[in-house]
Amino acid sequence: MTNAQNRYAIALNEANREVHFSIEGLWSTEEMQQFLRELTDAARPFMHWNEAFAVIADMDEFVPQDRQTTETIARHLQCARGFGFQRLAIVTHSSILRMQYRRIAGDLELDFFATKLEALQWSRNRGAAHRNHAA
């Protein structure tokens, strides 16, 4: 964690090939870079196994970031695509955050949800369909 205003938690769900995180606050570019390093470290088992994975992001308390921090996030998203990151399910009620992520997600499979349960169902259904199609 960084400071009192900025909080996050990261967890790995190996069985479903998912990285889960929650994040809140307004972040400086340097703080965001540190968070993204930790997020990447959490996903390393999937990268090592060369497996596609999804990210479930609880961003309901995350606020739209400044331009520099948003560009840092955008670069990270595009780089992560090369390491198996396929789907991003974001839990948020913020229409501004939705617009921001639609703009920076590139060709990443992305959707937004009101609850974590909805996000998990979407991601797991999409993952199962992808695995069945690849078989």
N, C-alpha and C. Protein backbone atom coordinates (compact mmCIF):
# COMPACT_ATOMS: atom_id res chain seq x y z
N MET A 1 0.85 -1.19 0.00
CA MET A 1 0.00 0.00 0.00
C MET A 1 0.88 1.24 0.00
N THR A 2 0.32 2.34 -0.46
CA THR A 2 1.12 3.55 -0.57
C THR A 2 0.86 4.51 0.58
N ASN A 3 -0.26 5.20 0.60
CA ASN A 3 -0.55 6.11 1.69
C ASN A 3 -2.03 6.02 2.06
N ALA A 4 -2.47 6.88 2.97
CA ALA A 4 -3.83 6.79 3.51
C ALA A 4 -4.90 6.98 2.43
N GLN A 5 -4.65 7.82 1.43
CA GLN A 5 -5.66 8.06 0.40
C GLN A 5 -5.64 6.99 -0.69
N ASN A 6 -4.48 6.44 -0.95
CA ASN A 6 -4.33 5.46 -2.01
C ASN A 6 -4.17 4.07 -1.40
N ARG A 7 -5.12 3.21 -1.72
CA ARG A 7 -5.07 1.85 -1.21
C ARG A 7 -5.21 0.87 -2.36
N TYR A 8 -4.62 -0.31 -2.15
CA TYR A 8 -4.82 -1.37 -3.13
C TYR A 8 -4.56 -2.72 -2.47
N ALA A 9 -5.08 -3.74 -3.10
CA ALA A 9 -4.83 -5.12 -2.71
C ALA A 9 -4.77 -5.93 -3.99
N ILE A 10 -3.88 -6.92 -4.02
CA ILE A 10 -3.70 -7.76 -5.21
C ILE A 10 -3.75 -9.22 -4.76
N ALA A 11 -4.46 -10.05 -5.52
CA ALA A 11 -4.53 -11.49 -5.23
C ALA A 11 -4.52 -12.26 -6.54
N LEU A 12 -3.99 -13.46 -6.49
CA LEU A 12 -3.91 -14.33 -7.65
C LEU A 12 -4.87 -15.50 -7.49
N ASN A 13 -5.62 -15.79 -8.54
CA ASN A 13 -6.49 -16.96 -8.56
C ASN A 13 -5.96 -17.86 -9.68
N GLU A 14 -5.08 -18.78 -9.32
CA GLU A 14 -4.43 -19.62 -10.32
C GLU A 14 -5.42 -20.55 -11.01
N ALA A 15 -6.38 -21.08 -10.27
CA ALA A 15 -7.35 -22.04 -10.83
C ALA A 15 -8.11 -21.44 -12.01
N ASN A 16 -8.44 -20.16 -11.93
CA ASN A 16 -9.20 -19.50 -13.00
C ASN A 16 -8.33 -18.59 -13.87
N ARG A 17 -7.03 -18.63 -13.65
CA ARG A 17 -6.08 -17.79 -14.39
C ARG A 17 -6.49 -16.32 -14.35
N GLU A 18 -6.62 -15.82 -13.11
CA GLU A 18 -7.06 -14.44 -12.89
C GLU A 18 -6.14 -13.73 -11.90
N VAL A 19 -5.94 -12.46 -12.15
CA VAL A 19 -5.34 -11.56 -11.18
C VAL A 19 -6.47 -10.64 -10.73
N HIS A 20 -6.68 -10.57 -9.42
CA HIS A 20 -7.71 -9.70 -8.86
C HIS A 20 -7.01 -8.55 -8.16
N PHE A 21 -7.57 -7.35 -8.33
CA PHE A 21 -7.07 -6.24 -7.52
C PHE A 21 -8.19 -5.26 -7.24
N SER A 22 -8.00 -4.55 -6.14
CA SER A 22 -8.86 -3.42 -5.81
C SER A 22 -7.92 -2.23 -5.65
N ILE A 23 -8.42 -1.07 -6.03
CA ILE A 23 -7.59 0.13 -5.98
C ILE A 23 -8.50 1.33 -5.74
N GLU A 24 -7.98 2.30 -5.00
CA GLU A 24 -8.74 3.53 -4.78
C GLU A 24 -7.81 4.71 -4.63
N GLY A 25 -8.34 5.87 -4.90
CA GLY A 25 -7.59 7.11 -4.70
C GLY A 25 -7.11 7.75 -6.00
N LEU A 26 -6.36 8.84 -5.81
CA LEU A 26 -5.73 9.58 -6.90
C LEU A 26 -4.23 9.36 -6.77
N TRP A 27 -3.60 8.87 -7.82
CA TRP A 27 -2.21 8.41 -7.77
C TRP A 27 -1.28 9.30 -8.57
N SER A 28 -0.07 9.48 -8.07
CA SER A 28 0.98 10.13 -8.86
C SER A 28 1.51 9.10 -9.85
N THR A 29 2.23 9.55 -10.84
CA THR A 29 2.81 8.63 -11.81
C THR A 29 3.75 7.65 -11.14
N GLU A 30 4.56 8.13 -10.21
CA GLU A 30 5.53 7.26 -9.52
C GLU A 30 4.81 6.20 -8.68
N GLU A 31 3.76 6.59 -7.98
CA GLU A 31 2.99 5.63 -7.19
C GLU A 31 2.34 4.59 -8.10
N MET A 32 1.82 5.03 -9.23
CA MET A 32 1.18 4.10 -10.16
C MET A 32 2.20 3.14 -10.74
N GLN A 33 3.38 3.62 -11.07
CA GLN A 33 4.42 2.73 -11.60
C GLN A 33 4.76 1.63 -10.58
N GLN A 34 4.84 1.98 -9.32
CA GLN A 34 5.12 0.99 -8.28
C GLN A 34 3.98 -0.03 -8.18
N PHE A 35 2.75 0.45 -8.19
CA PHE A 35 1.59 -0.45 -8.17
C PHE A 35 1.63 -1.40 -9.37
N LEU A 36 1.89 -0.87 -10.56
CA LEU A 36 1.91 -1.69 -11.76
C LEU A 36 3.04 -2.72 -11.73
N ARG A 37 4.17 -2.39 -11.12
CA ARG A 37 5.24 -3.38 -10.93
C ARG A 37 4.75 -4.53 -10.06
N GLU A 38 4.06 -4.19 -8.98
CA GLU A 38 3.54 -5.23 -8.09
C GLU A 38 2.46 -6.07 -8.78
N LEU A 39 1.64 -5.43 -9.58
CA LEU A 39 0.61 -6.15 -10.33
C LEU A 39 1.26 -7.11 -11.33
N THR A 40 2.30 -6.66 -12.00
CA THR A 40 3.04 -7.51 -12.93
C THR A 40 3.68 -8.68 -12.20
N ASP A 41 4.26 -8.42 -11.04
CA ASP A 41 4.86 -9.49 -10.24
C ASP A 41 3.83 -10.55 -9.88
N ALA A 42 2.62 -10.12 -9.57
CA ALA A 42 1.55 -11.07 -9.22
C ALA A 42 1.19 -11.95 -10.41
N ALA A 43 1.26 -11.40 -11.62
CA ALA A 43 0.87 -12.14 -12.83
C ALA A 43 2.01 -13.00 -13.38
N ARG A 44 3.20 -12.91 -12.82
CA ARG A 44 4.35 -13.65 -13.36
C ARG A 44 4.13 -15.14 -13.53
N PRO A 45 3.43 -15.83 -12.62
CA PRO A 45 3.22 -17.27 -12.86
C PRO A 45 2.54 -17.54 -14.21
N PHE A 46 1.58 -16.73 -14.59
CA PHE A 46 0.90 -16.92 -15.87
C PHE A 46 1.85 -16.64 -17.03
N MET A 47 2.66 -15.61 -16.88
CA MET A 47 3.63 -15.29 -17.92
C MET A 47 4.65 -16.42 -18.05
N HIS A 48 5.10 -16.94 -16.92
CA HIS A 48 6.08 -18.03 -16.90
C HIS A 48 5.51 -19.28 -17.55
N TRP A 49 4.24 -19.58 -17.27
CA TRP A 49 3.59 -20.76 -17.83
C TRP A 49 3.10 -20.50 -19.25
N ASN A 50 3.27 -19.26 -19.73
CA ASN A 50 2.82 -18.87 -21.07
C ASN A 50 1.32 -19.11 -21.24
N GLU A 51 0.54 -18.71 -20.24
CA GLU A 51 -0.92 -18.90 -20.26
C GLU A 51 -1.63 -17.55 -20.34
N ALA A 52 -2.72 -17.54 -21.07
CA ALA A 52 -3.56 -16.35 -21.11
C ALA A 52 -4.21 -16.16 -19.74
N PHE A 53 -4.43 -14.93 -19.37
CA PHE A 53 -5.07 -14.65 -18.09
C PHE A 53 -5.94 -13.41 -18.17
N ALA A 54 -6.80 -13.28 -17.17
CA ALA A 54 -7.72 -12.15 -17.07
C ALA A 54 -7.40 -11.35 -15.81
N VAL A 55 -7.83 -10.12 -15.80
CA VAL A 55 -7.70 -9.26 -14.61
C VAL A 55 -9.10 -8.81 -14.22
N ILE A 56 -9.40 -8.98 -12.94
CA ILE A 56 -10.66 -8.51 -12.36
C ILE A 56 -10.29 -7.33 -11.46
N ALA A 57 -10.76 -6.15 -11.82
CA ALA A 57 -10.35 -4.92 -11.14
C ALA A 57 -11.53 -4.25 -10.45
N ASP A 58 -11.47 -4.16 -9.13
CA ASP A 58 -12.48 -3.41 -8.38
C ASP A 58 -11.98 -1.97 -8.29
N MET A 59 -12.55 -1.12 -9.12
CA MET A 59 -12.12 0.27 -9.21
C MET A 59 -13.24 1.23 -8.82
N ASP A 60 -14.16 0.75 -8.00
CA ASP A 60 -15.30 1.57 -7.63
C ASP A 60 -14.89 2.81 -6.84
N GLU A 61 -13.77 2.75 -6.13
CA GLU A 61 -13.29 3.90 -5.36
C GLU A 61 -12.07 4.56 -6.01
N PHE A 62 -11.77 4.17 -7.23
CA PHE A 62 -10.65 4.74 -7.98
C PHE A 62 -11.20 5.94 -8.74
N VAL A 63 -10.46 7.01 -8.78
CA VAL A 63 -10.94 8.21 -9.47
C VAL A 63 -10.20 8.35 -10.80
N PRO A 64 -10.78 9.04 -11.78
CA PRO A 64 -10.05 9.29 -13.02
C PRO A 64 -8.72 9.98 -12.69
N GLN A 65 -7.68 9.51 -13.33
CA GLN A 65 -6.33 9.97 -13.03
C GLN A 65 -5.92 11.10 -13.98
N ASP A 66 -4.83 11.80 -13.61
CA ASP A 66 -4.34 12.86 -14.49
C ASP A 66 -3.75 12.24 -15.76
N ARG A 67 -3.47 13.08 -16.73
CA ARG A 67 -3.03 12.63 -18.06
C ARG A 67 -1.77 11.75 -17.99
N GLN A 68 -0.78 12.17 -17.22
CA GLN A 68 0.48 11.44 -17.14
C GLN A 68 0.28 10.05 -16.53
N THR A 69 -0.48 9.97 -15.48
CA THR A 69 -0.73 8.68 -14.83
C THR A 69 -1.55 7.79 -15.75
N THR A 70 -2.53 8.36 -16.45
CA THR A 70 -3.33 7.59 -17.39
C THR A 70 -2.47 7.05 -18.53
N GLU A 71 -1.53 7.84 -19.01
CA GLU A 71 -0.62 7.36 -20.06
C GLU A 71 0.26 6.22 -19.56
N THR A 72 0.66 6.28 -18.30
CA THR A 72 1.44 5.20 -17.69
C THR A 72 0.61 3.92 -17.67
N ILE A 73 -0.65 4.03 -17.30
CA ILE A 73 -1.55 2.87 -17.28
C ILE A 73 -1.73 2.32 -18.70
N ALA A 74 -1.93 3.20 -19.67
CA ALA A 74 -2.14 2.78 -21.06
C ALA A 74 -0.93 2.01 -21.58
N ARG A 75 0.27 2.50 -21.33
CA ARG A 75 1.49 1.80 -21.77
C ARG A 75 1.58 0.42 -21.12
N HIS A 76 1.23 0.34 -19.85
CA HIS A 76 1.26 -0.94 -19.14
C HIS A 76 0.26 -1.92 -19.75
N LEU A 77 -0.95 -1.47 -20.03
CA LEU A 77 -1.96 -2.34 -20.62
C LEU A 77 -1.48 -2.92 -21.95
N GLN A 78 -0.90 -2.09 -22.79
CA GLN A 78 -0.45 -2.56 -24.09
C GLN A 78 0.74 -3.51 -23.97
N CYS A 79 1.64 -3.23 -23.08
CA CYS A 79 2.78 -4.11 -22.85
C CYS A 79 2.31 -5.46 -22.31
N ALA A 80 1.36 -5.45 -21.39
CA ALA A 80 0.87 -6.68 -20.76
C ALA A 80 0.18 -7.59 -21.78
N ARG A 81 -0.39 -7.02 -22.83
CA ARG A 81 -1.02 -7.83 -23.88
C ARG A 81 -0.03 -8.83 -24.46
N GLY A 82 1.23 -8.43 -24.57
CA GLY A 82 2.25 -9.30 -25.12
C GLY A 82 2.64 -10.45 -24.22
N PHE A 83 2.17 -10.42 -22.98
CA PHE A 83 2.50 -11.47 -22.01
C PHE A 83 1.30 -12.31 -21.61
N GLY A 84 0.23 -12.27 -22.40
CA GLY A 84 -0.91 -13.14 -22.15
C GLY A 84 -2.12 -12.49 -21.51
N PHE A 85 -2.04 -11.21 -21.19
CA PHE A 85 -3.18 -10.50 -20.60
C PHE A 85 -4.25 -10.33 -21.66
N GLN A 86 -5.42 -10.96 -21.47
CA GLN A 86 -6.45 -10.95 -22.50
C GLN A 86 -7.70 -10.16 -22.16
N ARG A 87 -8.15 -10.26 -20.90
CA ARG A 87 -9.44 -9.66 -20.53
C ARG A 87 -9.28 -8.80 -19.29
N LEU A 88 -10.02 -7.69 -19.29
CA LEU A 88 -10.07 -6.82 -18.13
C LEU A 88 -11.53 -6.55 -17.80
N ALA A 89 -11.94 -7.01 -16.62
CA ALA A 89 -13.29 -6.77 -16.12
C ALA A 89 -13.17 -5.74 -15.00
N ILE A 90 -13.79 -4.59 -15.18
CA ILE A 90 -13.68 -3.50 -14.22
C ILE A 90 -15.02 -3.29 -13.51
N VAL A 91 -14.95 -3.28 -12.19
CA VAL A 91 -16.12 -2.95 -11.37
C VAL A 91 -16.03 -1.47 -11.05
N THR A 92 -16.99 -0.70 -11.57
CA THR A 92 -17.03 0.74 -11.30
C THR A 92 -18.41 1.28 -11.65
N HIS A 93 -18.76 2.37 -11.00
CA HIS A 93 -19.99 3.08 -11.34
C HIS A 93 -19.67 4.41 -12.01
N SER A 94 -18.39 4.72 -12.18
CA SER A 94 -17.96 6.00 -12.73
C SER A 94 -18.00 5.98 -14.26
N SER A 95 -18.83 6.83 -14.83
CA SER A 95 -18.89 6.92 -16.30
C SER A 95 -17.61 7.54 -16.85
N ILE A 96 -16.98 8.43 -16.11
CA ILE A 96 -15.73 9.04 -16.58
C ILE A 96 -14.62 8.00 -16.62
N LEU A 97 -14.54 7.15 -15.59
CA LEU A 97 -13.54 6.09 -15.58
C LEU A 97 -13.78 5.10 -16.72
N ARG A 98 -15.03 4.82 -17.00
CA ARG A 98 -15.36 3.93 -18.12
C ARG A 98 -14.86 4.54 -19.43
N MET A 99 -15.12 5.81 -19.65
CA MET A 99 -14.66 6.48 -20.87
C MET A 99 -13.13 6.45 -20.95
N GLN A 100 -12.48 6.72 -19.83
CA GLN A 100 -11.02 6.76 -19.80
C GLN A 100 -10.45 5.39 -20.18
N TYR A 101 -11.00 4.33 -19.63
CA TYR A 101 -10.47 2.99 -19.92
C TYR A 101 -10.84 2.52 -21.32
N ARG A 102 -11.98 2.89 -21.83
CA ARG A 102 -12.31 2.55 -23.22
C ARG A 102 -11.29 3.18 -24.18
N ARG A 103 -10.88 4.39 -23.84
CA ARG A 103 -9.93 5.11 -24.68
C ARG A 103 -8.54 4.48 -24.64
N ILE A 104 -8.10 4.00 -23.50
CA ILE A 104 -6.71 3.53 -23.38
C ILE A 104 -6.55 2.01 -23.54
N ALA A 105 -7.64 1.26 -23.60
CA ALA A 105 -7.54 -0.20 -23.59
C ALA A 105 -7.05 -0.79 -24.91
N GLY A 106 -7.08 -0.04 -25.98
CA GLY A 106 -6.64 -0.58 -27.26
C GLY A 106 -7.50 -1.78 -27.65
N ASP A 107 -6.85 -2.88 -28.06
CA ASP A 107 -7.59 -4.06 -28.51
C ASP A 107 -7.84 -5.07 -27.38
N LEU A 108 -7.59 -4.66 -26.17
CA LEU A 108 -7.84 -5.52 -25.01
C LEU A 108 -9.34 -5.77 -24.84
N GLU A 109 -9.71 -7.01 -24.54
CA GLU A 109 -11.12 -7.32 -24.28
C GLU A 109 -11.48 -6.71 -22.93
N LEU A 110 -12.45 -5.83 -22.91
CA LEU A 110 -12.76 -5.01 -21.75
C LEU A 110 -14.26 -4.87 -21.58
N ASP A 111 -14.71 -4.92 -20.32
CA ASP A 111 -16.10 -4.60 -20.03
C ASP A 111 -16.19 -4.09 -18.60
N PHE A 112 -17.34 -3.47 -18.28
CA PHE A 112 -17.55 -2.82 -16.99
C PHE A 112 -18.76 -3.42 -16.31
N PHE A 113 -18.72 -3.45 -14.97
CA PHE A 113 -19.76 -4.13 -14.20
C PHE A 113 -20.07 -3.37 -12.92
N ALA A 114 -21.28 -3.59 -12.43
CA ALA A 114 -21.71 -2.97 -11.18
C ALA A 114 -21.24 -3.77 -9.97
N THR A 115 -21.02 -5.08 -10.15
CA THR A 115 -20.60 -5.93 -9.03
C THR A 115 -19.45 -6.84 -9.45
N LYS A 116 -18.71 -7.30 -8.47
CA LYS A 116 -17.62 -8.22 -8.73
C LYS A 116 -18.15 -9.55 -9.25
N LEU A 117 -19.27 -10.00 -8.75
CA LEU A 117 -19.86 -11.25 -9.22
C LEU A 117 -20.15 -11.20 -10.72
N GLU A 118 -20.71 -10.09 -11.19
CA GLU A 118 -20.97 -9.94 -12.63
C GLU A 118 -19.67 -9.96 -13.42
N ALA A 119 -18.65 -9.30 -12.90
CA ALA A 119 -17.35 -9.26 -13.57
C ALA A 119 -16.74 -10.67 -13.66
N LEU A 120 -16.82 -11.41 -12.58
CA LEU A 120 -16.29 -12.78 -12.57
C LEU A 120 -17.03 -13.67 -13.55
N GLN A 121 -18.35 -13.58 -13.57
CA GLN A 121 -19.14 -14.40 -14.49
C GLN A 121 -18.78 -14.10 -15.94
N TRP A 122 -18.69 -12.84 -16.28
CA TRP A 122 -18.34 -12.45 -17.65
C TRP A 122 -16.96 -12.99 -18.01
N SER A 123 -15.98 -12.74 -17.16
CA SER A 123 -14.61 -13.14 -17.46
C SER A 123 -14.49 -14.66 -17.59
N ARG A 124 -15.10 -15.37 -16.68
CA ARG A 124 -15.00 -16.83 -16.71
C ARG A 124 -15.75 -17.43 -17.89
N ASN A 125 -16.89 -16.88 -18.25
CA ASN A 125 -17.60 -17.35 -19.44
C ASN A 125 -16.80 -17.08 -20.71
N ARG A 126 -16.18 -15.90 -20.80
CA ARG A 126 -15.36 -15.55 -21.96
C ARG A 126 -14.13 -16.45 -22.03
N GLY A 127 -13.53 -16.72 -20.87
CA GLY A 127 -12.35 -17.58 -20.82
C GLY A 127 -12.67 -19.01 -21.22
N ALA A 128 -13.80 -19.52 -20.76
CA ALA A 128 -14.22 -20.89 -21.11
C ALA A 128 -14.49 -20.98 -22.61
N ALA A 129 -15.14 -19.97 -23.16
CA ALA A 129 -15.42 -19.97 -24.60
C ALA A 129 -14.12 -19.94 -25.39
N HIS A 130 -13.15 -19.16 -24.94
CA HIS A 130 -11.86 -19.07 -25.62
C HIS A 130 -11.12 -20.41 -25.54
N ARG A 131 -11.10 -21.03 -24.37
CA ARG A 131 -10.42 -22.32 -24.21
C ARG A 131 -11.09 -23.40 -25.06
N ASN A 132 -12.42 -23.41 -25.13
CA ASN A 132 -13.13 -24.40 -25.95
C ASN A 132 -12.87 -24.19 -27.43
N HIS A 133 -12.77 -22.93 -27.83
CA HIS A 133 -12.51 -22.61 -29.24
C HIS A 133 -11.09 -23.01 -29.63
N ALA A 134 -10.14 -22.85 -28.71
CA ALA A 134 -8.74 -23.18 -28.98
C ALA A 134 -8.50 -24.69 -29.01
N ALA A 135 -9.38 -25.45 -28.38
CA ALA A 135 -9.16 -26.91 -28.30
C ALA A 135 -9.48 -27.63 -29.58
